[in-house]
Amino acid sequence: MNILFKTVFTLVPATLMCCGGPLFAQNGKYVITGKLPAANEKVYLGHEAGDKYVITDSTKVINGSFMFRGAVKQPGFYKLESKHLKNPIVFILENAAINVSKPDSVSPVVISGSPAHDVYMNFYNGPWKTITAKAGGIYGRLDQAEKAGKMDTATRAGLDREFRALDTLNIATVKQYVSRNPSSAGSAGIIYDRFISYPNFPVAEELYGMLTKEARQSDIGEQISTAIKTNAKTAKGKVAPAIAMPDKDGKIVKLSDFRGKYVLVDFWASWCGPCRRENPNVVAAYKKYHDKGFEILGVSLDSKKDAWLKAIAADGLTWTHVSDLQAWSNAAVKEYGVKAVPASFLLDPEGKVVGKDLRGEELNKTLAGIFK
């Protein structure tokens, strides 16, 4: 089933309000002003640059107020961080007069002045609430069935149908919103959130094509383009990127060691709830088809070995497991363009991709067709 909520990062929507009194940006530059719950403490402005997080600037909060001045080539996601902020404040920075305010620990974040950020958050404060309301109901029924021990084949199939219907609604809702705002980097941000972070590359490519040149050339638009190109490395029929990584005992295991068999490259982690819920299905598939030539290579995004090994034992995962214990910096994660877990790639005996993100009944049907 498709998981609509990433297990490692939740963007907390800012409350959109009009705030009076920001300074005016001039000559293609930005001015960020605001209030934070800190006294004479530093606040940092940073963003993702390729595979690295870069601190762009820092300043002191004086009497609860701060200011940044600068310029960006294109609009993109940035973060404000300080010791007094429980979570980073994420917003779209562009050359404008922007106010970012959270005067105390209980007040909501208030952001104004960035048209792109307004477009971005208006989606989450509007159409997206319909999606989350429906998703909450489905996840509630899923949890109830699992706690009651009633997750039989029929129940799982019914929930899978509900998730597929939710995906259809999700796609239609985003498409309609992007069509109304095709020139905004905010629309690019929504496409990235919904179809890159939760991979659905055919839809991502379609919606990316709806953006104007201006939006495609934003930092976020370029990230979408890069992700699409990386995804092409694992398109059906392509030989999957090489993997060479330590197993539980420190021995280097290579993906090429599995040539001659069908192999599922399964990206997961001990801390990933959806991964752990999917594991019984994967275990059942392994037991049924292993003797016929089906192998699994588990690639963990864990950073702590004890947690990794404990989850393997608890879930009865008896296949080969590897990890460099670098979490999201895992070398294979970058090569395969994994943005969310669980993620999987089914390879044929020649190492070519024949399926991606096969879960639940979809995995079982695919393997049944292969080993009929």
Protein backbone atom coordinates (compact mmCIF):
# COMPACT_ATOMS: atom_id res chain seq x y z
CA MET A 1 0.00 0.00 0.00
CA ASN A 2 1.19 3.54 -0.59
CA ILE A 3 2.28 5.39 2.53
CA LEU A 4 1.27 9.04 2.41
CA PHE A 5 3.19 10.20 5.46
CA LYS A 6 6.98 9.98 5.56
CA THR A 7 8.27 8.22 8.64
CA VAL A 8 11.38 10.32 9.16
CA PHE A 9 10.30 13.92 8.51
CA THR A 10 7.02 15.72 9.10
CA LEU A 11 6.62 19.25 7.82
CA VAL A 12 4.65 21.20 10.41
CA PRO A 13 2.49 23.70 8.50
CA ALA A 14 2.91 27.32 9.46
CA THR A 15 -0.16 29.44 10.13
CA LEU A 16 -0.61 32.00 7.39
CA MET A 17 -1.46 35.47 8.60
CA CYS A 18 -0.79 39.03 7.47
CA CYS A 19 1.84 40.65 9.62
CA GLY A 20 2.39 44.38 9.59
CA GLY A 21 5.63 46.24 9.50
CA PRO A 22 8.28 44.15 7.66
CA LEU A 23 11.17 45.93 5.99
CA PHE A 24 11.09 46.26 2.20
CA ALA A 25 13.41 44.10 0.12
CA GLN A 26 15.22 45.94 -2.68
CA ASN A 27 17.23 45.18 -5.80
CA GLY A 28 16.43 41.48 -6.00
CA LYS A 29 17.40 40.74 -2.41
CA TYR A 30 15.59 39.33 0.60
CA VAL A 31 15.08 40.68 4.09
CA ILE A 32 13.95 38.21 6.74
CA THR A 33 12.71 39.70 9.98
CA GLY A 34 10.92 38.10 12.87
CA LYS A 35 10.66 37.21 16.51
CA LEU A 36 11.91 34.08 18.27
CA PRO A 37 11.89 32.90 21.91
CA ALA A 38 15.60 33.57 22.48
CA ALA A 39 17.75 36.25 24.04
CA ASN A 40 21.19 36.93 22.59
CA GLU A 41 21.24 33.46 21.06
CA LYS A 42 22.21 32.70 17.51
CA VAL A 43 19.67 31.72 14.87
CA TYR A 44 20.89 29.89 11.77
CA LEU A 45 19.60 30.03 8.19
CA GLY A 46 20.38 26.93 6.11
CA HIS A 47 19.25 24.71 3.25
CA GLU A 48 19.94 21.45 1.46
CA ALA A 49 22.59 21.74 -1.25
CA GLY A 50 22.89 18.43 -3.08
CA ASP A 51 23.66 15.77 -0.46
CA LYS A 52 24.77 18.29 2.15
CA TYR A 53 23.08 20.70 4.53
CA VAL A 54 24.64 24.14 4.33
CA ILE A 55 24.41 26.93 6.90
CA THR A 56 23.96 30.04 4.76
CA ASP A 57 24.02 32.69 7.48
CA SER A 58 23.61 33.29 11.20
CA THR A 59 22.65 36.22 13.37
CA LYS A 60 21.84 36.99 16.98
CA VAL A 61 18.35 37.32 18.39
CA ILE A 62 18.33 40.63 20.25
CA ASN A 63 15.37 41.40 22.49
CA GLY A 64 13.49 38.60 20.76
CA SER A 65 14.00 40.01 17.24
CA PHE A 66 16.30 39.02 14.38
CA MET A 67 17.09 40.01 10.81
CA PHE A 68 18.78 38.44 7.78
CA ARG A 69 19.66 40.18 4.53
CA GLY A 70 20.87 38.48 1.37
CA ALA A 71 19.91 37.19 -2.05
CA VAL A 72 19.00 33.86 -3.60
CA LYS A 73 19.27 32.93 -7.27
CA GLN A 74 16.02 30.99 -7.17
CA PRO A 75 13.28 30.29 -4.57
CA GLY A 76 13.92 27.22 -2.44
CA PHE A 77 13.23 25.56 0.91
CA TYR A 78 15.23 27.00 3.81
CA LYS A 79 15.24 26.40 7.56
CA LEU A 80 15.61 28.62 10.59
CA GLU A 81 17.11 26.83 13.60
CA SER A 82 18.15 27.79 17.11
CA LYS A 83 18.60 26.12 20.49
CA HIS A 84 15.24 27.51 21.60
CA LEU A 85 13.29 26.02 18.69
CA LYS A 86 12.04 22.48 19.22
CA ASN A 87 11.63 22.03 15.45
CA PRO A 88 13.23 23.95 12.56
CA ILE A 89 11.04 26.51 10.86
CA VAL A 90 10.80 25.47 7.20
CA PHE A 91 9.72 27.98 4.57
CA ILE A 92 10.26 28.96 0.94
CA LEU A 93 12.82 31.74 0.71
CA GLU A 94 12.75 34.11 -2.23
CA ASN A 95 13.92 37.68 -2.79
CA ALA A 96 11.18 39.47 -0.88
CA ALA A 97 10.46 41.02 2.51
CA ILE A 98 9.59 37.99 4.63
CA ASN A 99 8.48 37.90 8.25
CA VAL A 100 8.91 34.70 10.28
CA SER A 101 7.60 34.95 13.79
CA LYS A 102 7.30 32.59 16.75
CA PRO A 103 7.57 34.83 19.81
CA ASP A 104 7.21 32.05 22.40
CA SER A 105 7.15 28.26 22.71
CA VAL A 106 3.35 27.95 22.55
CA SER A 107 2.61 30.35 19.71
CA PRO A 108 2.21 28.97 16.18
CA VAL A 109 4.72 29.95 13.53
CA VAL A 110 3.48 32.87 11.45
CA ILE A 111 5.06 33.46 8.02
CA SER A 112 4.24 36.18 5.53
CA GLY A 113 5.77 37.99 2.58
CA SER A 114 6.75 35.06 0.33
CA PRO A 115 4.20 34.52 -2.47
CA ALA A 116 5.67 31.07 -3.20
CA HIS A 117 5.32 30.04 0.44
CA ASP A 118 1.74 31.31 0.45
CA VAL A 119 0.90 29.08 -2.54
CA TYR A 120 2.61 26.15 -0.84
CA MET A 121 0.86 26.51 2.52
CA ASN A 122 -2.55 27.39 1.07
CA PHE A 123 -2.59 23.86 -0.34
CA TYR A 124 -1.84 22.28 3.04
CA ASN A 125 -4.28 24.53 4.86
CA GLY A 126 -6.97 23.80 2.27
CA PRO A 127 -7.27 20.86 -0.18
CA TRP A 128 -4.79 18.66 1.67
CA LYS A 129 -6.99 18.53 4.77
CA THR A 130 -9.52 16.44 2.86
CA ILE A 131 -6.79 13.91 2.05
CA THR A 132 -5.49 13.70 5.63
CA ALA A 133 -9.01 13.30 7.04
CA LYS A 134 -9.65 10.28 4.79
CA ALA A 135 -6.16 8.88 5.45
CA GLY A 136 -6.68 9.11 9.21
CA GLY A 137 -9.79 6.95 8.98
CA ILE A 138 -8.04 4.28 6.92
CA TYR A 139 -5.00 4.17 9.19
CA GLY A 140 -7.33 3.93 12.18
CA ARG A 141 -9.03 0.85 10.73
CA LEU A 142 -5.62 -0.60 9.86
CA ASP A 143 -4.39 -0.21 13.44
CA GLN A 144 -7.61 -1.67 14.85
CA ALA A 145 -7.37 -4.74 12.61
CA GLU A 146 -3.73 -5.34 13.56
CA LYS A 147 -4.33 -4.90 17.29
CA ALA A 148 -7.33 -7.24 17.14
CA GLY A 149 -5.36 -9.84 15.17
CA LYS A 150 -7.82 -9.62 12.29
CA MET A 151 -5.43 -8.72 9.49
CA ASP A 152 -6.46 -11.56 7.20
CA THR A 153 -6.15 -11.58 3.41
CA ALA A 154 -9.60 -10.11 2.82
CA THR A 155 -9.08 -7.29 5.33
CA ARG A 156 -5.69 -6.39 3.88
CA ALA A 157 -7.10 -6.44 0.33
CA GLY A 158 -9.92 -4.12 1.39
CA LEU A 159 -7.55 -1.66 3.01
CA ASP A 160 -5.29 -1.77 -0.05
CA ARG A 161 -8.29 -0.80 -2.20
CA GLU A 162 -9.01 2.14 0.10
CA PHE A 163 -5.39 3.30 -0.11
CA ARG A 164 -5.46 3.08 -3.90
CA ALA A 165 -8.63 5.19 -3.98
CA LEU A 166 -6.95 7.68 -1.67
CA ASP A 167 -3.95 7.83 -4.02
CA THR A 168 -6.27 8.61 -6.92
CA LEU A 169 -7.86 11.45 -4.94
CA ASN A 170 -4.41 12.69 -3.90
CA ILE A 171 -3.23 12.86 -7.53
CA ALA A 172 -6.37 14.61 -8.74
CA THR A 173 -6.27 17.15 -5.90
CA VAL A 174 -2.63 18.09 -6.47
CA LYS A 175 -3.08 18.22 -10.24
CA GLN A 176 -5.99 20.62 -9.95
CA TYR A 177 -4.07 22.87 -7.55
CA VAL A 178 -0.88 22.92 -9.66
CA SER A 179 -2.91 23.75 -12.78
CA ARG A 180 -4.09 26.90 -11.02
CA ASN A 181 -0.59 27.88 -9.84
CA PRO A 182 1.83 26.63 -12.54
CA SER A 183 4.39 29.45 -12.21
CA SER A 184 4.96 29.16 -8.46
CA ALA A 185 7.85 27.44 -6.71
CA GLY A 186 5.21 26.60 -4.11
CA SER A 187 3.59 24.24 -6.63
CA ALA A 188 6.99 22.63 -7.22
CA GLY A 189 7.25 22.12 -3.46
CA ILE A 190 3.91 20.33 -3.37
CA ILE A 191 4.93 18.05 -6.27
CA TYR A 192 8.18 17.23 -4.47
CA ASP A 193 6.40 16.47 -1.19
CA ARG A 194 3.68 14.31 -2.62
CA PHE A 195 5.32 12.43 -5.52
CA ILE A 196 9.09 12.55 -4.96
CA SER A 197 9.21 12.10 -1.18
CA TYR A 198 6.47 9.47 -1.61
CA PRO A 199 7.69 8.14 -4.94
CA ASN A 200 5.30 8.18 -7.86
CA PHE A 201 7.57 9.28 -10.67
CA PRO A 202 5.13 8.97 -13.58
CA VAL A 203 2.85 11.44 -11.80
CA ALA A 204 5.80 13.62 -10.74
CA GLU A 205 6.95 13.88 -14.36
CA GLU A 206 3.44 14.74 -15.58
CA LEU A 207 2.98 17.49 -13.00
CA TYR A 208 6.53 18.79 -13.48
CA GLY A 209 5.64 19.24 -17.16
CA MET A 210 2.70 21.45 -16.12
CA LEU A 211 5.02 23.95 -14.41
CA THR A 212 6.23 27.05 -16.22
CA LYS A 213 9.93 27.55 -16.94
CA GLU A 214 10.13 29.89 -13.95
CA ALA A 215 8.89 27.23 -11.51
CA ARG A 216 10.99 24.45 -13.09
CA GLN A 217 14.12 26.59 -12.66
CA SER A 218 13.49 27.18 -8.94
CA ASP A 219 15.71 25.26 -6.54
CA ILE A 220 12.77 22.97 -5.80
CA GLY A 221 12.05 22.45 -9.50
CA GLU A 222 15.67 21.49 -10.07
CA GLN A 223 15.47 19.01 -7.19
CA ILE A 224 12.48 17.38 -8.87
CA SER A 225 14.41 17.18 -12.15
CA THR A 226 17.41 15.61 -10.40
CA ALA A 227 15.21 13.06 -8.64
CA ILE A 228 13.53 12.10 -11.92
CA LYS A 229 16.94 11.53 -13.53
CA THR A 230 18.10 9.42 -10.56
CA ASN A 231 14.91 7.38 -10.74
CA ALA A 232 15.66 6.63 -14.40
CA LYS A 233 18.64 4.58 -13.20
CA THR A 234 16.19 2.03 -11.79
CA ALA A 235 13.59 2.13 -14.55
CA LYS A 236 12.18 -1.23 -15.61
CA GLY A 237 14.66 -3.03 -17.82
CA LYS A 238 17.69 -1.17 -16.45
CA VAL A 239 20.48 -3.02 -14.63
CA ALA A 240 20.18 -1.93 -11.01
CA PRO A 241 23.05 0.10 -9.48
CA ALA A 242 25.73 -1.92 -7.74
CA ILE A 243 25.64 -2.44 -3.98
CA ALA A 244 28.61 -3.49 -1.85
CA MET A 245 27.98 -3.18 1.89
CA PRO A 246 28.78 -4.94 5.21
CA ASP A 247 26.41 -7.56 6.53
CA LYS A 248 25.64 -8.18 10.21
CA ASP A 249 29.09 -9.70 10.73
CA GLY A 250 31.01 -7.04 8.82
CA LYS A 251 31.46 -9.15 5.68
CA ILE A 252 31.05 -7.23 2.42
CA VAL A 253 28.06 -8.48 0.42
CA LYS A 254 27.62 -7.51 -3.22
CA LEU A 255 24.35 -7.34 -5.09
CA SER A 256 26.09 -9.14 -7.95
CA ASP A 257 26.43 -12.17 -5.63
CA PHE A 258 22.72 -12.81 -6.30
CA ARG A 259 22.94 -13.00 -10.10
CA GLY A 260 21.01 -15.97 -11.49
CA LYS A 261 18.11 -15.49 -9.08
CA TYR A 262 15.23 -13.10 -8.64
CA VAL A 263 16.13 -10.76 -5.79
CA LEU A 264 14.13 -8.15 -3.91
CA VAL A 265 16.31 -5.25 -2.77
CA ASP A 266 14.34 -4.15 0.27
CA PHE A 267 15.09 -0.76 1.88
CA TRP A 268 13.77 -0.58 5.45
CA ALA A 269 14.67 0.41 9.03
CA SER A 270 13.91 -0.76 12.54
CA TRP A 271 12.31 2.61 13.38
CA CYS A 272 10.01 2.56 10.31
CA GLY A 273 6.48 1.57 11.37
CA PRO A 274 5.17 0.91 7.83
CA CYS A 275 8.25 -1.25 7.16
CA ARG A 276 7.65 -3.36 10.23
CA ARG A 277 3.97 -3.75 9.33
CA GLU A 278 4.91 -4.92 5.84
CA ASN A 279 7.55 -7.41 7.06
CA PRO A 280 5.11 -10.30 7.74
CA ASN A 281 4.01 -10.15 4.10
CA VAL A 282 7.63 -10.19 2.92
CA VAL A 283 8.42 -13.08 5.26
CA ALA A 284 5.50 -15.07 3.82
CA ALA A 285 6.66 -14.38 0.25
CA TYR A 286 10.22 -15.45 1.10
CA LYS A 287 9.06 -18.70 2.67
CA LYS A 288 6.84 -19.50 -0.30
CA TYR A 289 9.29 -18.72 -3.13
CA HIS A 290 12.80 -18.96 -1.70
CA ASP A 291 13.24 -22.59 -2.72
CA LYS A 292 12.18 -21.65 -6.27
CA GLY A 293 14.95 -19.08 -6.66
CA PHE A 294 13.73 -15.97 -4.81
CA GLU A 295 16.20 -14.03 -2.64
CA ILE A 296 15.97 -10.85 -0.60
CA LEU A 297 18.71 -8.35 0.18
CA GLY A 298 17.62 -6.17 3.08
CA VAL A 299 19.28 -2.72 3.11
CA SER A 300 18.79 -1.00 6.45
CA LEU A 301 18.69 2.75 7.05
CA ASP A 302 19.48 2.25 10.71
CA SER A 303 22.31 4.08 12.47
CA LYS A 304 22.39 1.86 15.56
CA LYS A 305 23.45 -1.74 15.06
CA ASP A 306 21.68 -3.07 18.16
CA ALA A 307 18.31 -1.73 17.02
CA TRP A 308 18.87 -3.12 13.53
CA LEU A 309 19.75 -6.64 14.74
CA LYS A 310 16.92 -6.65 17.30
CA ALA A 311 14.36 -5.84 14.59
CA ILE A 312 15.72 -8.56 12.31
CA ALA A 313 15.31 -11.13 15.07
CA ALA A 314 11.91 -9.86 16.26
CA ASP A 315 10.40 -9.91 12.76
CA GLY A 316 11.96 -13.24 11.73
CA LEU A 317 13.81 -11.82 8.73
CA THR A 318 15.98 -14.78 7.76
CA TRP A 319 17.47 -13.42 4.52
CA THR A 320 20.70 -11.48 3.92
CA HIS A 321 20.94 -8.04 5.50
CA VAL A 322 23.42 -5.22 4.94
CA SER A 323 23.90 -1.70 6.26
CA ASP A 324 26.61 0.92 6.53
CA LEU A 325 24.70 2.33 9.55
CA GLN A 326 24.62 5.77 7.95
CA ALA A 327 20.82 6.17 8.03
CA TRP A 328 19.67 8.43 5.14
CA SER A 329 23.31 8.91 4.07
CA ASN A 330 23.46 5.21 3.17
CA ALA A 331 25.36 4.90 -0.12
CA ALA A 332 22.72 2.67 -1.74
CA VAL A 333 19.92 5.04 -0.72
CA LYS A 334 21.56 7.78 -2.79
CA GLU A 335 22.23 5.53 -5.78
CA TYR A 336 18.67 4.22 -5.86
CA GLY A 337 17.08 7.61 -5.16
CA VAL A 338 15.16 6.32 -2.14
CA LYS A 339 13.13 9.13 -0.56
CA ALA A 340 10.91 7.11 1.78
CA VAL A 341 10.82 3.66 3.33
CA PRO A 342 9.73 1.00 2.80
CA ALA A 343 11.08 0.97 -0.76
CA SER A 344 11.88 -2.07 -2.85
CA PHE A 345 13.23 -3.09 -6.26
CA LEU A 346 12.62 -6.54 -7.75
CA LEU A 347 15.43 -7.68 -10.02
CA ASP A 348 15.52 -10.54 -12.52
CA PRO A 349 18.37 -13.09 -12.74
CA GLU A 350 20.35 -10.65 -14.93
CA GLY A 351 20.11 -7.89 -12.34
CA LYS A 352 17.54 -5.89 -14.32
CA VAL A 353 14.64 -4.11 -12.61
CA VAL A 354 11.28 -5.80 -13.19
CA GLY A 355 9.26 -4.16 -10.41
CA LYS A 356 9.41 -1.33 -7.88
CA ASP A 357 7.75 -0.79 -4.51
CA LEU A 358 5.80 -4.04 -4.67
CA ARG A 359 3.94 -4.52 -1.40
CA GLY A 360 1.04 -6.52 -0.05
CA GLU A 361 -0.93 -8.44 -2.64
CA GLU A 362 0.98 -6.76 -5.46
CA LEU A 363 4.22 -8.47 -4.37
CA ASN A 364 2.47 -11.82 -4.02
CA LYS A 365 0.80 -11.59 -7.44
CA THR A 366 4.06 -10.61 -9.14
CA LEU A 367 6.00 -13.49 -7.61
CA ALA A 368 3.18 -15.92 -8.38
CA GLY A 369 3.38 -14.90 -12.03
CA ILE A 370 7.16 -15.35 -12.08
CA PHE A 371 7.22 -18.72 -10.35
CA LYS A 372 4.00 -20.19 -11.74
